[in-house]
Amino acid sequence: MNTAFSTLIRTASHEQHMEAGTSTFMSDLLGGRLGVEAYARYTEQLWFVYEALEADAGRLASDPVAGPFILRELLRRGALERDLTHLRGADWRATLTALPATEAYAARVAECAREWPGGYVAHHYTRYLGDLSGGQIIRGKAEQTWGFARKGDGVRFYVFEDIGNPAAFKRGYRELLDGVRADELERQRIVAECRRAFALNTAVFHALAEEFPLTA
């Protein structure tokens, strides 16, 4: 009963987190076994998820549950669009398509943003804290493998320019989780939604693996 909510949410979703991080697609991408096209396709899928996360951010800023998590320094959509311009050209929107798994993921995020602030917090946590942490590994590998400028166009999604001390920021974020305005039952629902978020993300990885299979 005395376990901090930030600890509970991290440990409860640990298995799903590991599954997402060790998916075939991500392992192949980080291992340099896939081309830049696979990286660009993944970046496209991220745009749909962040569009859903950030489209209602202004409205959610005044919500007592989700509001404290609407932090300007985390917003990623603009950086993603700059990366896509670099990867796909100025008309990247004309060819942008979502995989069915991505559509399901983005739809669930949008549903929570509209109807359930606690669920929105679950998706906010799984995405942004993951980007701020493990996302830095992806950035480094992308720069090394495909020659992107360090923290430049193509990897700006992973560059949090307004967060000078990521470790301190993450501590503050965990404090926000610990203080979330939710009773015990609602907190359990949020934890369950975190698991769902990881499962939705992993489904996108599986779909990308099918689109970019390694040939023997």
Protein backbone atom coordinates (compact mmCIF):
# COMPACT_ATOMS: atom_id res chain seq x y z
CA MET A 1 0.00 0.00 0.00
CA ASN A 2 2.95 2.34 0.64
CA THR A 3 4.66 1.73 -2.71
CA ALA A 4 5.08 4.97 -4.66
CA PHE A 5 2.82 5.08 -7.71
CA SER A 6 5.77 5.81 -10.00
CA THR A 7 7.44 2.63 -8.75
CA LEU A 8 4.25 0.62 -9.09
CA ILE A 9 3.66 1.76 -12.64
CA ARG A 10 7.26 1.02 -13.65
CA THR A 11 7.42 -2.46 -12.14
CA ALA A 12 3.93 -3.47 -13.30
CA SER A 13 4.78 -2.72 -16.93
CA HIS A 14 8.36 -4.03 -16.83
CA GLU A 15 7.66 -7.20 -18.82
CA GLN A 16 5.85 -5.33 -21.60
CA HIS A 17 8.59 -2.71 -21.63
CA MET A 18 11.25 -5.36 -22.16
CA GLU A 19 9.20 -7.02 -24.91
CA ALA A 20 8.86 -3.74 -26.78
CA GLY A 21 12.54 -2.89 -26.41
CA THR A 22 13.71 -6.30 -27.65
CA SER A 23 11.30 -6.69 -30.56
CA THR A 24 12.71 -8.10 -33.78
CA PHE A 25 12.23 -4.84 -35.66
CA MET A 26 13.90 -2.67 -33.03
CA SER A 27 16.73 -5.17 -32.56
CA ASP A 28 17.38 -5.21 -36.31
CA LEU A 29 17.12 -1.43 -36.54
CA LEU A 30 19.54 -0.81 -33.68
CA GLY A 31 21.83 -3.55 -34.99
CA GLY A 32 22.28 -1.72 -38.27
CA ARG A 33 20.67 -4.55 -40.22
CA LEU A 34 17.91 -2.39 -41.72
CA GLY A 35 18.20 0.55 -44.07
CA VAL A 36 17.22 4.14 -43.54
CA GLU A 37 13.85 3.44 -45.21
CA ALA A 38 12.85 1.32 -42.20
CA TYR A 39 13.87 4.14 -39.86
CA ALA A 40 11.85 6.63 -41.91
CA ARG A 41 8.81 4.34 -41.86
CA TYR A 42 9.07 4.02 -38.10
CA THR A 43 9.29 7.80 -37.79
CA GLU A 44 6.11 8.09 -39.85
CA GLN A 45 4.29 5.81 -37.43
CA LEU A 46 5.47 7.87 -34.49
CA TRP A 47 3.89 10.97 -36.04
CA PHE A 48 0.40 9.45 -35.86
CA VAL A 49 0.83 8.56 -32.19
CA TYR A 50 2.14 12.00 -31.26
CA GLU A 51 -0.55 13.72 -33.27
CA ALA A 52 -3.04 11.89 -31.06
CA LEU A 53 -1.09 12.70 -27.90
CA GLU A 54 -0.67 16.39 -28.60
CA ALA A 55 -3.77 17.40 -30.55
CA ASP A 56 -5.75 17.90 -27.32
CA ALA A 57 -2.84 19.01 -25.13
CA GLY A 58 -4.15 22.57 -24.90
CA ARG A 59 -7.53 21.45 -23.64
CA LEU A 60 -6.04 18.92 -21.23
CA ALA A 61 -3.72 21.51 -19.68
CA SER A 62 -6.51 22.61 -17.34
CA ASP A 63 -7.54 19.08 -16.36
CA PRO A 64 -6.76 18.27 -12.70
CA VAL A 65 -5.45 14.79 -13.54
CA ALA A 66 -3.72 15.18 -16.91
CA GLY A 67 -2.92 18.90 -16.70
CA PRO A 68 0.29 18.66 -14.65
CA PHE A 69 1.77 16.38 -17.32
CA ILE A 70 1.22 18.80 -20.21
CA LEU A 71 4.78 20.10 -20.29
CA ARG A 72 5.87 22.24 -23.22
CA GLU A 73 9.45 20.94 -23.12
CA LEU A 74 8.23 17.40 -23.91
CA LEU A 75 6.18 18.18 -27.03
CA ARG A 76 7.49 16.20 -30.01
CA ARG A 77 5.20 16.78 -32.99
CA GLY A 78 7.16 19.73 -34.38
CA ALA A 79 10.46 17.85 -34.14
CA LEU A 80 8.91 14.82 -35.84
CA GLU A 81 7.67 16.97 -38.70
CA ARG A 82 11.13 18.44 -39.17
CA ASP A 83 12.60 14.94 -39.22
CA LEU A 84 10.04 13.78 -41.76
CA THR A 85 10.81 16.76 -43.98
CA HIS A 86 14.46 15.67 -43.90
CA LEU A 87 13.65 12.00 -44.47
CA ARG A 88 10.81 12.27 -46.99
CA GLY A 89 10.99 15.75 -48.44
CA ALA A 90 8.80 18.82 -48.09
CA ASP A 91 5.69 16.98 -49.29
CA TRP A 92 5.98 14.16 -46.73
CA ARG A 93 2.31 14.48 -45.81
CA ALA A 94 1.26 13.42 -49.31
CA THR A 95 2.71 9.94 -48.85
CA LEU A 96 2.15 9.53 -45.10
CA THR A 97 0.32 6.31 -44.23
CA ALA A 98 -0.38 4.56 -40.95
CA LEU A 99 -0.11 0.83 -40.48
CA PRO A 100 -3.31 -0.75 -39.09
CA ALA A 101 -1.50 -1.36 -35.80
CA THR A 102 -0.56 2.31 -35.69
CA GLU A 103 -4.13 3.34 -36.39
CA ALA A 104 -5.29 1.23 -33.44
CA TYR A 105 -2.61 2.72 -31.17
CA ALA A 106 -3.34 6.31 -32.16
CA ALA A 107 -7.09 5.75 -31.86
CA ARG A 108 -6.72 4.50 -28.30
CA VAL A 109 -4.54 7.47 -27.35
CA ALA A 110 -7.07 9.88 -28.88
CA GLU A 111 -9.93 8.13 -27.07
CA CYS A 112 -8.17 8.53 -23.73
CA ALA A 113 -7.35 12.17 -24.50
CA ARG A 114 -11.05 12.85 -25.13
CA GLU A 115 -12.66 10.72 -22.46
CA TRP A 116 -10.27 9.52 -19.76
CA PRO A 117 -7.50 11.77 -18.39
CA GLY A 118 -6.05 8.95 -16.28
CA GLY A 119 -5.65 6.78 -19.36
CA TYR A 120 -4.04 9.70 -21.14
CA VAL A 121 -1.47 9.92 -18.33
CA ALA A 122 -0.66 6.23 -18.88
CA HIS A 123 0.09 6.83 -22.56
CA HIS A 124 1.94 10.05 -21.79
CA TYR A 125 4.22 8.23 -19.37
CA THR A 126 4.97 5.26 -21.62
CA ARG A 127 5.83 7.44 -24.60
CA TYR A 128 7.61 10.53 -23.33
CA LEU A 129 9.69 8.95 -20.60
CA GLY A 130 10.68 6.21 -23.02
CA ASP A 131 11.76 8.80 -25.58
CA LEU A 132 13.75 10.68 -22.99
CA SER A 133 15.49 7.48 -21.87
CA GLY A 134 15.81 4.63 -24.37
CA GLY A 135 15.15 6.97 -27.27
CA GLN A 136 18.66 8.32 -26.85
CA ILE A 137 20.04 4.92 -27.83
CA ILE A 138 18.01 5.06 -31.05
CA ARG A 139 19.32 8.57 -31.77
CA GLY A 140 22.94 7.53 -31.33
CA LYS A 141 22.53 4.45 -33.51
CA ALA A 142 20.76 6.45 -36.22
CA GLU A 143 23.53 9.04 -36.29
CA GLN A 144 26.15 6.31 -36.47
CA THR A 145 24.39 4.09 -39.01
CA TRP A 146 22.90 6.60 -41.45
CA GLY A 147 25.13 9.59 -40.97
CA PHE A 148 22.67 12.07 -39.53
CA ALA A 149 24.27 15.15 -38.00
CA ARG A 150 24.58 14.83 -34.23
CA LYS A 151 21.25 15.96 -32.77
CA GLY A 152 20.36 17.33 -36.20
CA ASP A 153 17.65 16.85 -38.81
CA GLY A 154 16.54 13.23 -38.95
CA VAL A 155 16.93 12.65 -35.21
CA ARG A 156 15.46 15.83 -33.72
CA PHE A 157 12.57 13.82 -32.30
CA TYR A 158 15.01 12.41 -29.75
CA VAL A 159 16.56 15.78 -28.87
CA PHE A 160 14.89 17.49 -25.92
CA GLU A 161 16.53 20.88 -26.26
CA ASP A 162 14.57 22.46 -23.40
CA ILE A 163 15.50 19.78 -20.87
CA GLY A 164 18.96 20.60 -19.60
CA ASN A 165 19.10 17.87 -16.97
CA PRO A 166 17.18 14.77 -18.06
CA ALA A 167 17.82 12.91 -14.79
CA ALA A 168 16.37 15.78 -12.74
CA PHE A 169 13.45 16.11 -15.14
CA LYS A 170 12.62 12.41 -14.82
CA ARG A 171 12.73 12.70 -11.03
CA GLY A 172 10.25 15.55 -11.26
CA TYR A 173 8.05 13.55 -13.60
CA ARG A 174 8.00 10.63 -11.18
CA GLU A 175 6.94 13.05 -8.45
CA LEU A 176 4.03 14.10 -10.67
CA LEU A 177 3.05 10.44 -11.00
CA ASP A 178 3.26 9.94 -7.25
CA GLY A 179 0.94 12.89 -6.75
CA VAL A 180 -1.58 12.05 -9.49
CA ARG A 181 -5.12 12.83 -8.41
CA ALA A 182 -6.59 9.34 -8.48
CA ASP A 183 -7.86 6.89 -5.90
CA GLU A 184 -6.49 3.35 -5.57
CA LEU A 185 -8.93 1.85 -8.08
CA GLU A 186 -8.20 4.52 -10.66
CA ARG A 187 -4.48 4.03 -10.18
CA GLN A 188 -4.88 0.34 -10.90
CA ARG A 189 -6.77 1.25 -14.08
CA ILE A 190 -3.93 3.57 -15.10
CA VAL A 191 -1.39 0.78 -14.54
CA ALA A 192 -3.49 -1.54 -16.71
CA GLU A 193 -3.59 1.12 -19.43
CA CYS A 194 0.21 1.35 -19.29
CA ARG A 195 0.37 -2.33 -20.06
CA ARG A 196 -2.04 -1.78 -22.92
CA ALA A 197 0.09 1.08 -24.25
CA PHE A 198 3.17 -1.13 -24.36
CA ALA A 199 1.17 -3.86 -26.11
CA LEU A 200 -0.08 -1.39 -28.72
CA ASN A 201 3.45 -0.15 -29.30
CA THR A 202 4.78 -3.68 -29.62
CA ALA A 203 2.08 -4.45 -32.20
CA VAL A 204 3.45 -1.59 -34.31
CA PHE A 205 6.93 -3.11 -34.07
CA HIS A 206 5.57 -6.48 -35.17
CA ALA A 207 3.87 -4.87 -38.17
CA LEU A 208 7.07 -3.06 -39.10
CA ALA A 209 8.99 -6.34 -38.83
CA GLU A 210 6.61 -7.85 -41.36
CA GLU A 211 7.10 -4.90 -43.69
CA PHE A 212 10.89 -5.03 -43.36
CA PRO A 213 11.87 -8.70 -43.04
CA LEU A 214 15.52 -9.54 -43.15
CA THR A 215 16.42 -11.74 -46.11
CA ALA A 216 18.62 -14.74 -45.40
